Amino acid sequence: MNTKEANKFPISSYLAYLGHKPSKNLGSYSLYLSPYRNENTPSFKVSHSKNLWVDYGDSNCGGTLIDLVLKLNPSYDISQALQEISTVSGQSFSFQQQIVLPEKPEPGTDGKVQIVKVKPLGNNQALTDYLNSRNIGMETAKKFCKEVYYCIEDRKYFGLGNRNDNGWSIRNRYWKGCSAQGYSHYQNGSNRLNVFEGIFDLMSYVELYKNDKKANADFLVLNSLANMNDAFRIIKNYNQIGLYLDRDEAGRAATRLLIDKVTNCEDMSSLSFPYKDLSEYLVEWTYRLKR
């Protein structure tokens, strides 16, 4: 695939692959929320007839599809941009040729979600923006997450992934799932364990309590309450357990169950009051500080 061929691939299709949907369809062009910066009013225009884009909210920056790929991935050169477009369009390169699979198959890839590759955070601007929208710093996120590229049947996607004991738990702006169910155990050599439902709750906790000694505890992310029974074998080995589960009906029931079964558990969910969880609390708390 050369640059001329690459720039024929519809920008709208590439944006759809990234998970961006148009806010308005106006015949020959569509308006989007910018895919590389935060905004509330769509100012990113895609001309379908010319297959060009312009971002009116970014000093009228714009250009071809290759220009957009380079804008979204500042570390890319032209060759990498062409590879990206080839992968999305399925032209010129087969899926296996274009994406290098790990030497050993990732665990838990025999189901619906097939892991294709895993990269360090910071290569994919859309995922960086997703973290920013949740007020999670890159330094914190890199401790727990990777960029995970995966496919479901013949469709290709990417998301933030955290390893669990059976595979990967994955999420992006529009989807949450896994290659296989399991909990994630992060050990720091502590006799205290802090338990969370989801990875964003853990990362929000780290952002909120960076200077708190309790932030140096071991961490357990259930990823789903369905994994709680399996996680008992980890939880029962700790002298102190802080439960930071959601403040909804399911989270409260799980908290009561853990307190009944493990004597060293303490309900810490009040820290997210009046919100459902620590992730919501961090977003709202940061918003109020900026007002």
C-alpha atoms as a PDB file:
ATOM      1  CA  MET A   1       0.000   0.000   0.000  1.00  0.00           C
ATOM      2  CA  ASN A   2       1.385   3.390  -1.004  1.00  0.00           C
ATOM      3  CA  THR A   3       0.309   6.835   0.230  1.00  0.00           C
ATOM      4  CA  LYS A   4      -2.110   7.371  -2.668  1.00  0.00           C
ATOM      5  CA  GLU A   5      -3.849   4.065  -2.009  1.00  0.00           C
ATOM      6  CA  ALA A   6      -3.911   4.687   1.753  1.00  0.00           C
ATOM      7  CA  ASN A   7      -5.555   8.095   1.385  1.00  0.00           C
ATOM      8  CA  LYS A   8      -8.391   6.532  -0.602  1.00  0.00           C
ATOM      9  CA  PHE A   9      -9.569   4.607   2.451  1.00  0.00           C
ATOM     10  CA  PRO A  10     -12.535   6.531   3.958  1.00  0.00           C
ATOM     11  CA  ILE A  11     -11.634   8.645   6.969  1.00  0.00           C
ATOM     12  CA  SER A  12     -15.093   7.929   8.359  1.00  0.00           C
ATOM     13  CA  SER A  13     -14.346   4.181   8.291  1.00  0.00           C
ATOM     14  CA  TYR A  14     -11.049   4.700  10.087  1.00  0.00           C
ATOM     15  CA  LEU A  15     -12.782   6.780  12.769  1.00  0.00           C
ATOM     16  CA  ALA A  16     -15.434   4.076  13.146  1.00  0.00           C
ATOM     17  CA  TYR A  17     -12.655   1.521  13.663  1.00  0.00           C
ATOM     18  CA  LEU A  18     -11.346   3.707  16.503  1.00  0.00           C
ATOM     19  CA  GLY A  19     -14.817   3.880  18.017  1.00  0.00           C
ATOM     20  CA  HIS A  20     -15.693   7.447  17.004  1.00  0.00           C
ATOM     21  CA  LYS A  21     -19.222   8.037  15.735  1.00  0.00           C
ATOM     22  CA  PRO A  22     -20.384  11.217  13.951  1.00  0.00           C
ATOM     23  CA  SER A  23     -22.383  13.686  16.012  1.00  0.00           C
ATOM     24  CA  LYS A  24     -24.066  14.965  12.843  1.00  0.00           C
ATOM     25  CA  ASN A  25     -24.389  13.531   9.323  1.00  0.00           C
ATOM     26  CA  LEU A  26     -24.977  16.279   6.768  1.00  0.00           C
ATOM     27  CA  GLY A  27     -24.836  14.493   3.441  1.00  0.00           C
ATOM     28  CA  SER A  28     -21.467  15.272   1.884  1.00  0.00           C
ATOM     29  CA  TYR A  29     -19.784  15.686   5.261  1.00  0.00           C
ATOM     30  CA  SER A  30     -20.086  14.708   8.928  1.00  0.00           C
ATOM     31  CA  LEU A  31     -19.177  16.438  12.176  1.00  0.00           C
ATOM     32  CA  TYR A  32     -17.441  14.621  15.026  1.00  0.00           C
ATOM     33  CA  LEU A  33     -16.124  15.401  18.449  1.00  0.00           C
ATOM     34  CA  SER A  34     -12.382  15.693  17.903  1.00  0.00           C
ATOM     35  CA  PRO A  35     -10.739  12.253  18.215  1.00  0.00           C
ATOM     36  CA  TYR A  36      -7.529  13.655  19.727  1.00  0.00           C
ATOM     37  CA  ARG A  37      -8.682  16.340  22.179  1.00  0.00           C
ATOM     38  CA  ASN A  38     -11.583  16.870  24.567  1.00  0.00           C
ATOM     39  CA  GLU A  39     -14.505  19.019  23.467  1.00  0.00           C
ATOM     40  CA  ASN A  40     -18.251  19.235  24.037  1.00  0.00           C
ATOM     41  CA  THR A  41     -19.303  20.753  20.692  1.00  0.00           C
ATOM     42  CA  PRO A  42     -18.366  18.834  17.524  1.00  0.00           C
ATOM     43  CA  SER A  43     -15.883  20.840  15.441  1.00  0.00           C
ATOM     44  CA  PHE A  44     -14.106  18.036  13.584  1.00  0.00           C
ATOM     45  CA  LYS A  45     -15.367  17.896   9.986  1.00  0.00           C
ATOM     46  CA  VAL A  46     -14.906  15.006   7.580  1.00  0.00           C
ATOM     47  CA  SER A  47     -15.643  15.599   3.904  1.00  0.00           C
ATOM     48  CA  HIS A  48     -16.838  12.323   2.372  1.00  0.00           C
ATOM     49  CA  SER A  49     -16.522  13.533  -1.222  1.00  0.00           C
ATOM     50  CA  LYS A  50     -12.926  14.761  -0.819  1.00  0.00           C
ATOM     51  CA  ASN A  51     -11.964  12.316   1.961  1.00  0.00           C
ATOM     52  CA  LEU A  52     -10.318  15.118   3.938  1.00  0.00           C
ATOM     53  CA  TRP A  53     -10.678  16.309   7.520  1.00  0.00           C
ATOM     54  CA  VAL A  54     -10.360  19.613   9.315  1.00  0.00           C
ATOM     55  CA  ASP A  55     -10.496  20.409  13.025  1.00  0.00           C
ATOM     56  CA  TYR A  56     -11.893  23.913  13.424  1.00  0.00           C
ATOM     57  CA  GLY A  57     -11.135  23.832  17.129  1.00  0.00           C
ATOM     58  CA  ASP A  58      -7.432  23.195  16.497  1.00  0.00           C
ATOM     59  CA  SER A  59      -6.482  26.190  14.340  1.00  0.00           C
ATOM     60  CA  ASN A  60      -8.099  24.547  11.289  1.00  0.00           C
ATOM     61  CA  CYS A  61      -5.591  21.697  11.392  1.00  0.00           C
ATOM     62  CA  GLY A  62      -6.478  19.058   8.835  1.00  0.00           C
ATOM     63  CA  GLY A  63      -5.468  16.976   5.848  1.00  0.00           C
ATOM     64  CA  THR A  64      -5.587  13.438   4.523  1.00  0.00           C
ATOM     65  CA  LEU A  65      -6.124  10.140   6.317  1.00  0.00           C
ATOM     66  CA  ILE A  66      -2.355   9.710   6.698  1.00  0.00           C
ATOM     67  CA  ASP A  67      -2.183  13.153   8.308  1.00  0.00           C
ATOM     68  CA  LEU A  68      -4.883  12.076  10.753  1.00  0.00           C
ATOM     69  CA  VAL A  69      -3.106   8.817  11.659  1.00  0.00           C
ATOM     70  CA  LEU A  70       0.104  10.772  12.303  1.00  0.00           C
ATOM     71  CA  LYS A  71      -1.815  13.314  14.382  1.00  0.00           C
ATOM     72  CA  LEU A  72      -3.365  10.556  16.508  1.00  0.00           C
ATOM     73  CA  ASN A  73      -0.037   8.734  16.859  1.00  0.00           C
ATOM     74  CA  PRO A  74       2.754  11.319  17.239  1.00  0.00           C
ATOM     75  CA  SER A  75       5.427   8.616  17.519  1.00  0.00           C
ATOM     76  CA  TYR A  76       4.553   7.144  14.082  1.00  0.00           C
ATOM     77  CA  ASP A  77       6.463   7.748  10.871  1.00  0.00           C
ATOM     78  CA  ILE A  78       4.901   7.426   7.402  1.00  0.00           C
ATOM     79  CA  SER A  79       5.707   3.728   7.193  1.00  0.00           C
ATOM     80  CA  GLN A  80       3.950   3.002  10.495  1.00  0.00           C
ATOM     81  CA  ALA A  81       0.972   5.110   9.423  1.00  0.00           C
ATOM     82  CA  LEU A  82       0.698   3.054   6.222  1.00  0.00           C
ATOM     83  CA  GLN A  83       0.858  -0.139   8.268  1.00  0.00           C
ATOM     84  CA  GLU A  84      -1.946   1.147  10.500  1.00  0.00           C
ATOM     85  CA  ILE A  85      -4.180   1.948   7.530  1.00  0.00           C
ATOM     86  CA  SER A  86      -3.352  -1.369   5.879  1.00  0.00           C
ATOM     87  CA  THR A  87      -4.426  -3.205   9.016  1.00  0.00           C
ATOM     88  CA  VAL A  88      -7.709  -1.324   9.262  1.00  0.00           C
ATOM     89  CA  SER A  89      -8.578  -1.527   5.581  1.00  0.00           C
ATOM     90  CA  GLY A  90      -7.432  -5.111   5.103  1.00  0.00           C
ATOM     91  CA  GLN A  91      -5.721  -4.135   1.857  1.00  0.00           C
ATOM     92  CA  SER A  92      -2.355  -5.360   0.570  1.00  0.00           C
ATOM     93  CA  PHE A  93      -1.354  -7.146   3.757  1.00  0.00           C
ATOM     94  CA  SER A  94      -3.005 -10.143   5.335  1.00  0.00           C
ATOM     95  CA  PHE A  95      -4.010  -9.850   8.977  1.00  0.00           C
ATOM     96  CA  GLN A  96      -1.296 -12.300  10.024  1.00  0.00           C
ATOM     97  CA  GLN A  97       1.392 -10.512   8.012  1.00  0.00           C
ATOM     98  CA  GLN A  98       0.535  -7.104   9.315  1.00  0.00           C
ATOM     99  CA  ILE A  99       0.272  -7.826  13.045  1.00  0.00           C
ATOM    100  CA  VAL A 100       3.058  -9.702  14.774  1.00  0.00           C
ATOM    101  CA  LEU A 101       1.630 -12.230  17.192  1.00  0.00           C
ATOM    102  CA  PRO A 102       3.432 -13.021  20.470  1.00  0.00           C
ATOM    103  CA  GLU A 103       5.742 -16.035  20.399  1.00  0.00           C
ATOM    104  CA  LYS A 104       3.495 -17.714  22.963  1.00  0.00           C
ATOM    105  CA  PRO A 105      -0.284 -17.368  22.615  1.00  0.00           C
ATOM    106  CA  GLU A 106      -1.841 -15.059  25.180  1.00  0.00           C
ATOM    107  CA  PRO A 107      -3.822 -16.976  27.816  1.00  0.00           C
ATOM    108  CA  GLY A 108      -7.561 -17.028  27.457  1.00  0.00           C
ATOM    109  CA  THR A 109      -7.685 -16.361  23.720  1.00  0.00           C
ATOM    110  CA  ASP A 110      -9.667 -19.443  22.791  1.00  0.00           C
ATOM    111  CA  GLY A 111     -13.011 -17.700  23.281  1.00  0.00           C
ATOM    112  CA  LYS A 112     -14.791 -14.838  21.593  1.00  0.00           C
ATOM    113  CA  VAL A 113     -12.101 -12.220  22.267  1.00  0.00           C
ATOM    114  CA  GLN A 114      -8.802 -12.954  20.546  1.00  0.00           C
ATOM    115  CA  ILE A 115      -5.762 -10.989  21.762  1.00  0.00           C
ATOM    116  CA  VAL A 116      -3.633  -9.844  18.819  1.00  0.00           C
ATOM    117  CA  LYS A 117      -0.923  -7.710  20.407  1.00  0.00           C
ATOM    118  CA  VAL A 118      -0.110  -5.808  23.576  1.00  0.00           C
ATOM    119  CA  LYS A 119       1.783  -2.504  23.679  1.00  0.00           C
ATOM    120  CA  PRO A 120       2.876  -0.071  26.414  1.00  0.00           C
ATOM    121  CA  LEU A 121       0.552   2.846  27.061  1.00  0.00           C
ATOM    122  CA  GLY A 122       1.305   6.088  25.265  1.00  0.00           C
ATOM    123  CA  ASN A 123       1.258   4.857  21.653  1.00  0.00           C
ATOM    124  CA  ASN A 124      -2.475   5.304  21.035  1.00  0.00           C
ATOM    125  CA  GLN A 125      -3.812   8.848  21.382  1.00  0.00           C
ATOM    126  CA  ALA A 126      -7.438   7.716  21.625  1.00  0.00           C
ATOM    127  CA  LEU A 127      -6.631   5.607  24.704  1.00  0.00           C
ATOM    128  CA  THR A 128      -4.555   8.424  26.207  1.00  0.00           C
ATOM    129  CA  ASP A 129      -7.537  10.744  25.757  1.00  0.00           C
ATOM    130  CA  TYR A 130      -9.763   8.143  27.395  1.00  0.00           C
ATOM    131  CA  LEU A 131      -7.500   8.094  30.445  1.00  0.00           C
ATOM    132  CA  ASN A 132      -7.447  11.894  30.522  1.00  0.00           C
ATOM    133  CA  SER A 133     -11.248  11.991  30.431  1.00  0.00           C
ATOM    134  CA  ARG A 134     -11.260   9.841  33.579  1.00  0.00           C
ATOM    135  CA  ASN A 135      -8.544  11.996  35.217  1.00  0.00           C
ATOM    136  CA  ILE A 136      -6.055   9.138  35.362  1.00  0.00           C
ATOM    137  CA  GLY A 137      -2.430  10.158  34.849  1.00  0.00           C
ATOM    138  CA  MET A 138      -0.188   8.191  32.535  1.00  0.00           C
ATOM    139  CA  GLU A 139       2.270   7.443  35.345  1.00  0.00           C
ATOM    140  CA  THR A 140      -0.493   5.763  37.341  1.00  0.00           C
ATOM    141  CA  ALA A 141      -2.037   3.950  34.382  1.00  0.00           C
ATOM    142  CA  LYS A 142       1.284   2.445  33.254  1.00  0.00           C
ATOM    143  CA  LYS A 143       1.562   0.631  36.581  1.00  0.00           C
ATOM    144  CA  PHE A 144      -1.540  -1.417  35.847  1.00  0.00           C
ATOM    145  CA  CYS A 145      -2.572  -1.236  32.180  1.00  0.00           C
ATOM    146  CA  LYS A 146      -1.394  -1.841  28.622  1.00  0.00           C
ATOM    147  CA  GLU A 147      -2.777  -1.073  25.192  1.00  0.00           C
ATOM    148  CA  VAL A 148      -4.481  -4.296  24.136  1.00  0.00           C
ATOM    149  CA  TYR A 149      -5.369  -4.897  20.491  1.00  0.00           C
ATOM    150  CA  TYR A 150      -7.896  -7.648  19.940  1.00  0.00           C
ATOM    151  CA  CYS A 151     -10.456  -8.970  17.525  1.00  0.00           C
ATOM    152  CA  ILE A 152     -13.946 -10.388  17.887  1.00  0.00           C
ATOM    153  CA  GLU A 153     -14.674 -12.606  14.912  1.00  0.00           C
ATOM    154  CA  ASP A 154     -13.360 -10.536  11.958  1.00  0.00           C
ATOM    155  CA  ARG A 155     -13.595  -7.107  13.618  1.00  0.00           C
ATOM    156  CA  LYS A 156     -10.530  -5.437  15.131  1.00  0.00           C
ATOM    157  CA  TYR A 157     -10.551  -3.237  18.237  1.00  0.00           C
ATOM    158  CA  PHE A 158      -8.328  -1.885  20.973  1.00  0.00           C
ATOM    159  CA  GLY A 159      -8.731  -0.906  24.601  1.00  0.00           C
ATOM    160  CA  LEU A 160      -7.065  -0.487  27.967  1.00  0.00           C
ATOM    161  CA  GLY A 161      -6.184  -3.885  29.339  1.00  0.00           C
ATOM    162  CA  ASN A 162      -5.145  -5.103  32.768  1.00  0.00           C
ATOM    163  CA  ARG A 163      -3.896  -8.656  33.214  1.00  0.00           C
ATOM    164  CA  ASN A 164      -5.973 -11.008  35.279  1.00  0.00           C
ATOM    165  CA  ASP A 165      -5.133 -14.524  36.417  1.00  0.00           C
ATOM    166  CA  ASN A 166      -6.662 -16.041  33.266  1.00  0.00           C
ATOM    167  CA  GLY A 167      -6.172 -13.446  30.526  1.00  0.00           C
ATOM    168  CA  TRP A 168      -6.961  -9.781  29.959  1.00  0.00           C
ATOM    169  CA  SER A 169      -9.740  -7.527  31.237  1.00  0.00           C
ATOM    170  CA  ILE A 170     -10.322  -4.866  28.575  1.00  0.00           C
ATOM    171  CA  ARG A 171     -12.326  -1.677  28.293  1.00  0.00           C
ATOM    172  CA  ASN A 172     -12.637   1.417  26.117  1.00  0.00           C
ATOM    173  CA  ARG A 173     -15.159   4.241  25.865  1.00  0.00           C
ATOM    174  CA  TYR A 174     -17.806   1.988  24.355  1.00  0.00           C
ATOM    175  CA  TRP A 175     -17.162  -1.567  25.540  1.00  0.00           C
ATOM    176  CA  LYS A 176     -16.075  -3.599  28.527  1.00  0.00           C
ATOM    177  CA  GLY A 177     -15.142  -7.263  28.366  1.00  0.00           C
ATOM    178  CA  CYS A 178     -12.334  -9.770  28.713  1.00  0.00           C
ATOM    179  CA  SER A 179     -10.434 -12.509  26.946  1.00  0.00           C
ATOM    180  CA  ALA A 180     -11.153 -14.646  30.035  1.00  0.00           C
ATOM    181  CA  GLN A 181     -12.651 -13.889  33.434  1.00  0.00           C
ATOM    182  CA  GLY A 182     -10.333 -13.505  36.395  1.00  0.00           C
ATOM    183  CA  TYR A 183      -9.139 -11.214  39.172  1.00  0.00           C
ATOM    184  CA  SER A 184      -5.960  -9.080  39.141  1.00  0.00           C
ATOM    185  CA  HIS A 185      -3.590  -9.234  42.119  1.00  0.00           C
ATOM    186  CA  TYR A 186      -0.921  -6.525  42.488  1.00  0.00           C
ATOM    187  CA  GLN A 187       1.613  -7.270  45.206  1.00  0.00           C
ATOM    188  CA  ASN A 188       3.747  -4.646  46.946  1.00  0.00           C
ATOM    189  CA  GLY A 189       4.932  -6.752  49.877  1.00  0.00           C
ATOM    190  CA  SER A 190       2.273  -5.408  52.244  1.00  0.00           C
ATOM    191  CA  ASN A 191       0.167  -7.216  54.860  1.00  0.00           C
ATOM    192  CA  ARG A 192      -2.775  -4.977  53.888  1.00  0.00           C
ATOM    193  CA  LEU A 193      -4.968  -5.693  50.859  1.00  0.00           C
ATOM    194  CA  ASN A 194      -7.265  -3.125  49.264  1.00  0.00           C
ATOM    195  CA  VAL A 195     -10.044  -4.658  47.151  1.00  0.00           C
ATOM    196  CA  PHE A 196     -11.731  -2.913  44.191  1.00  0.00           C
ATOM    197  CA  GLU A 197     -14.361  -3.937  41.661  1.00  0.00           C
ATOM    198  CA  GLY A 198     -12.724  -2.409  38.581  1.00  0.00           C
ATOM    199  CA  ILE A 199      -9.336  -1.186  37.398  1.00  0.00           C
ATOM    200  CA  PHE A 200     -10.498   2.432  37.164  1.00  0.00           C
ATOM    201  CA  ASP A 201     -11.501   2.306  40.838  1.00  0.00           C
ATOM    202  CA  LEU A 202      -7.980   1.187  41.732  1.00  0.00           C
ATOM    203  CA  MET A 203      -6.319   3.821  39.537  1.00  0.00           C
ATOM    204  CA  SER A 204      -8.643   6.498  40.932  1.00  0.00           C
ATOM    205  CA  TYR A 205      -7.667   5.434  44.449  1.00  0.00           C
ATOM    206  CA  VAL A 206      -3.979   5.764  43.588  1.00  0.00           C
ATOM    207  CA  GLU A 207      -4.575   9.225  42.092  1.00  0.00           C
ATOM    208  CA  LEU A 208      -6.549  10.359  45.143  1.00  0.00           C
ATOM    209  CA  TYR A 209      -4.290   8.916  47.838  1.00  0.00           C
ATOM    210  CA  LYS A 210      -0.787   9.139  46.402  1.00  0.00           C
ATOM    211  CA  ASN A 211       0.602  10.505  49.670  1.00  0.00           C
ATOM    212  CA  ASP A 212      -1.297   8.119  51.929  1.00  0.00           C
ATOM    213  CA  LYS A 213       0.634   5.207  53.441  1.00  0.00           C
ATOM    214  CA  LYS A 214      -2.355   2.949  52.738  1.00  0.00           C
ATOM    215  CA  ALA A 215      -1.729   3.530  49.028  1.00  0.00           C
ATOM    216  CA  ASN A 216       1.315   1.250  49.387  1.00  0.00           C
ATOM    217  CA  ALA A 217      -0.919  -1.739  50.159  1.00  0.00           C
ATOM    218  CA  ASP A 218      -1.321  -4.791  47.950  1.00  0.00           C
ATOM    219  CA  PHE A 219      -4.249  -4.444  45.551  1.00  0.00           C
ATOM    220  CA  LEU A 220      -6.892  -6.848  44.294  1.00  0.00           C
ATOM    221  CA  VAL A 221      -9.186  -5.929  41.387  1.00  0.00           C
ATOM    222  CA  LEU A 222     -12.100  -8.330  41.015  1.00  0.00           C
ATOM    223  CA  ASN A 223     -12.842  -7.108  37.451  1.00  0.00           C
ATOM    224  CA  SER A 224     -16.292  -8.617  38.046  1.00  0.00           C
ATOM    225  CA  LEU A 225     -18.135  -9.596  41.213  1.00  0.00           C
ATOM    226  CA  ALA A 226     -18.466 -13.014  39.588  1.00  0.00           C
ATOM    227  CA  ASN A 227     -14.786 -13.540  40.426  1.00  0.00           C
ATOM    228  CA  MET A 228     -15.249 -12.988  44.164  1.00  0.00           C
ATOM    229  CA  ASN A 229     -15.431 -16.670  45.147  1.00  0.00           C
ATOM    230  CA  ASP A 230     -12.146 -17.397  43.369  1.00  0.00           C
ATOM    231  CA  ALA A 231     -10.571 -14.347  45.019  1.00  0.00           C
ATOM    232  CA  PHE A 232     -11.262 -15.648  48.534  1.00  0.00           C
ATOM    233  CA  ARG A 233      -8.033 -17.647  48.457  1.00  0.00           C
ATOM    234  CA  ILE A 234      -6.123 -14.371  48.079  1.00  0.00           C
ATOM    235  CA  ILE A 235      -8.192 -12.245  50.464  1.00  0.00           C
ATOM    236  CA  LYS A 236      -8.062 -14.638  53.415  1.00  0.00           C
ATOM    237  CA  ASN A 237      -4.239 -14.478  53.554  1.00  0.00           C
ATOM    238  CA  TYR A 238      -4.116 -10.812  54.617  1.00  0.00           C
ATOM    239  CA  ASN A 239      -4.163  -9.334  58.125  1.00  0.00           C
ATOM    240  CA  GLN A 240      -5.973  -6.182  56.987  1.00  0.00           C
ATOM    241  CA  ILE A 241      -8.437  -5.868  54.119  1.00  0.00           C
ATOM    242  CA  GLY A 242      -9.980  -2.630  52.901  1.00  0.00           C
ATOM    243  CA  LEU A 243     -13.119  -3.051  50.781  1.00  0.00           C
ATOM    244  CA  TYR A 244     -13.616  -0.256  48.232  1.00  0.00           C
ATOM    245  CA  LEU A 245     -16.534  -1.842  46.385  1.00  0.00           C
ATOM    246  CA  ASP A 246     -19.312   0.061  44.623  1.00  0.00           C
ATOM    247  CA  ARG A 247     -22.002   1.780  46.640  1.00  0.00           C
ATOM    248  CA  ASP A 248     -24.820   0.077  44.729  1.00  0.00           C
ATOM    249  CA  GLU A 249     -26.959  -2.894  45.702  1.00  0.00           C
ATOM    250  CA  ALA A 250     -24.573  -5.516  44.273  1.00  0.00           C
ATOM    251  CA  GLY A 251     -21.489  -3.865  45.741  1.00  0.00           C
ATOM    252  CA  ARG A 252     -23.024  -3.533  49.201  1.00  0.00           C
ATOM    253  CA  ALA A 253     -24.135  -7.174  49.147  1.00  0.00           C
ATOM    254  CA  ALA A 254     -20.615  -8.282  48.195  1.00  0.00           C
ATOM    255  CA  THR A 255     -19.153  -6.129  50.968  1.00  0.00           C
ATOM    256  CA  ARG A 256     -21.474  -7.683  53.573  1.00  0.00           C
ATOM    257  CA  LEU A 257     -20.605 -11.172  52.359  1.00  0.00           C
ATOM    258  CA  LEU A 258     -16.874 -10.558  52.601  1.00  0.00           C
ATOM    259  CA  ILE A 259     -17.166  -9.045  56.083  1.00  0.00           C
ATOM    260  CA  ASP A 260     -19.170 -12.086  57.219  1.00  0.00           C
ATOM    261  CA  LYS A 261     -16.652 -14.560  55.815  1.00  0.00           C
ATOM    262  CA  VAL A 262     -13.350 -12.760  56.565  1.00  0.00           C
ATOM    263  CA  THR A 263     -12.980 -11.152  59.994  1.00  0.00           C
ATOM    264  CA  ASN A 264     -10.247  -8.688  58.981  1.00  0.00           C
ATOM    265  CA  CYS A 265     -12.367  -6.841  56.385  1.00  0.00           C
ATOM    266  CA  GLU A 266     -13.288  -3.170  56.713  1.00  0.00           C
ATOM    267  CA  ASP A 267     -15.882  -1.394  54.569  1.00  0.00           C
ATOM    268  CA  MET A 268     -14.177   1.667  53.035  1.00  0.00           C
ATOM    269  CA  SER A 269     -16.861   2.487  50.447  1.00  0.00           C
ATOM    270  CA  SER A 270     -17.850   5.671  52.295  1.00  0.00           C
ATOM    271  CA  LEU A 271     -14.761   7.318  50.771  1.00  0.00           C
ATOM    272  CA  SER A 272     -16.629   7.601  47.464  1.00  0.00           C
ATOM    273  CA  PHE A 273     -19.753   9.161  49.029  1.00  0.00           C
ATOM    274  CA  PRO A 274     -22.025  10.470  47.571  1.00  0.00           C
ATOM    275  CA  TYR A 275     -20.989   8.790  44.314  1.00  0.00           C
ATOM    276  CA  LYS A 276     -21.265   5.151  43.266  1.00  0.00           C
ATOM    277  CA  ASP A 277     -17.552   4.427  43.186  1.00  0.00           C
ATOM    278  CA  LEU A 278     -14.101   5.988  43.390  1.00  0.00           C
ATOM    279  CA  SER A 279     -13.905   6.493  39.638  1.00  0.00           C
ATOM    280  CA  GLU A 280     -17.029   8.689  39.630  1.00  0.00           C
ATOM    281  CA  TYR A 281     -15.786  10.441  42.757  1.00  0.00           C
ATOM    282  CA  LEU A 282     -12.450  11.352  41.140  1.00  0.00           C
ATOM    283  CA  VAL A 283     -14.090  12.717  37.992  1.00  0.00           C
ATOM    284  CA  GLU A 284     -16.544  14.868  39.958  1.00  0.00           C
ATOM    285  CA  TRP A 285     -13.956  15.959  42.543  1.00  0.00           C
ATOM    286  CA  THR A 286     -11.535  17.086  39.823  1.00  0.00           C
ATOM    287  CA  TYR A 287     -14.325  18.878  37.951  1.00  0.00           C
ATOM    288  CA  ARG A 288     -15.287  20.822  41.079  1.00  0.00           C
ATOM    289  CA  LEU A 289     -11.679  21.833  41.694  1.00  0.00           C
ATOM    290  CA  LYS A 290     -11.425  23.251  38.166  1.00  0.00           C
ATOM    291  CA  ARG A 291     -14.601  25.333  38.461  1.00  0.00           C
END
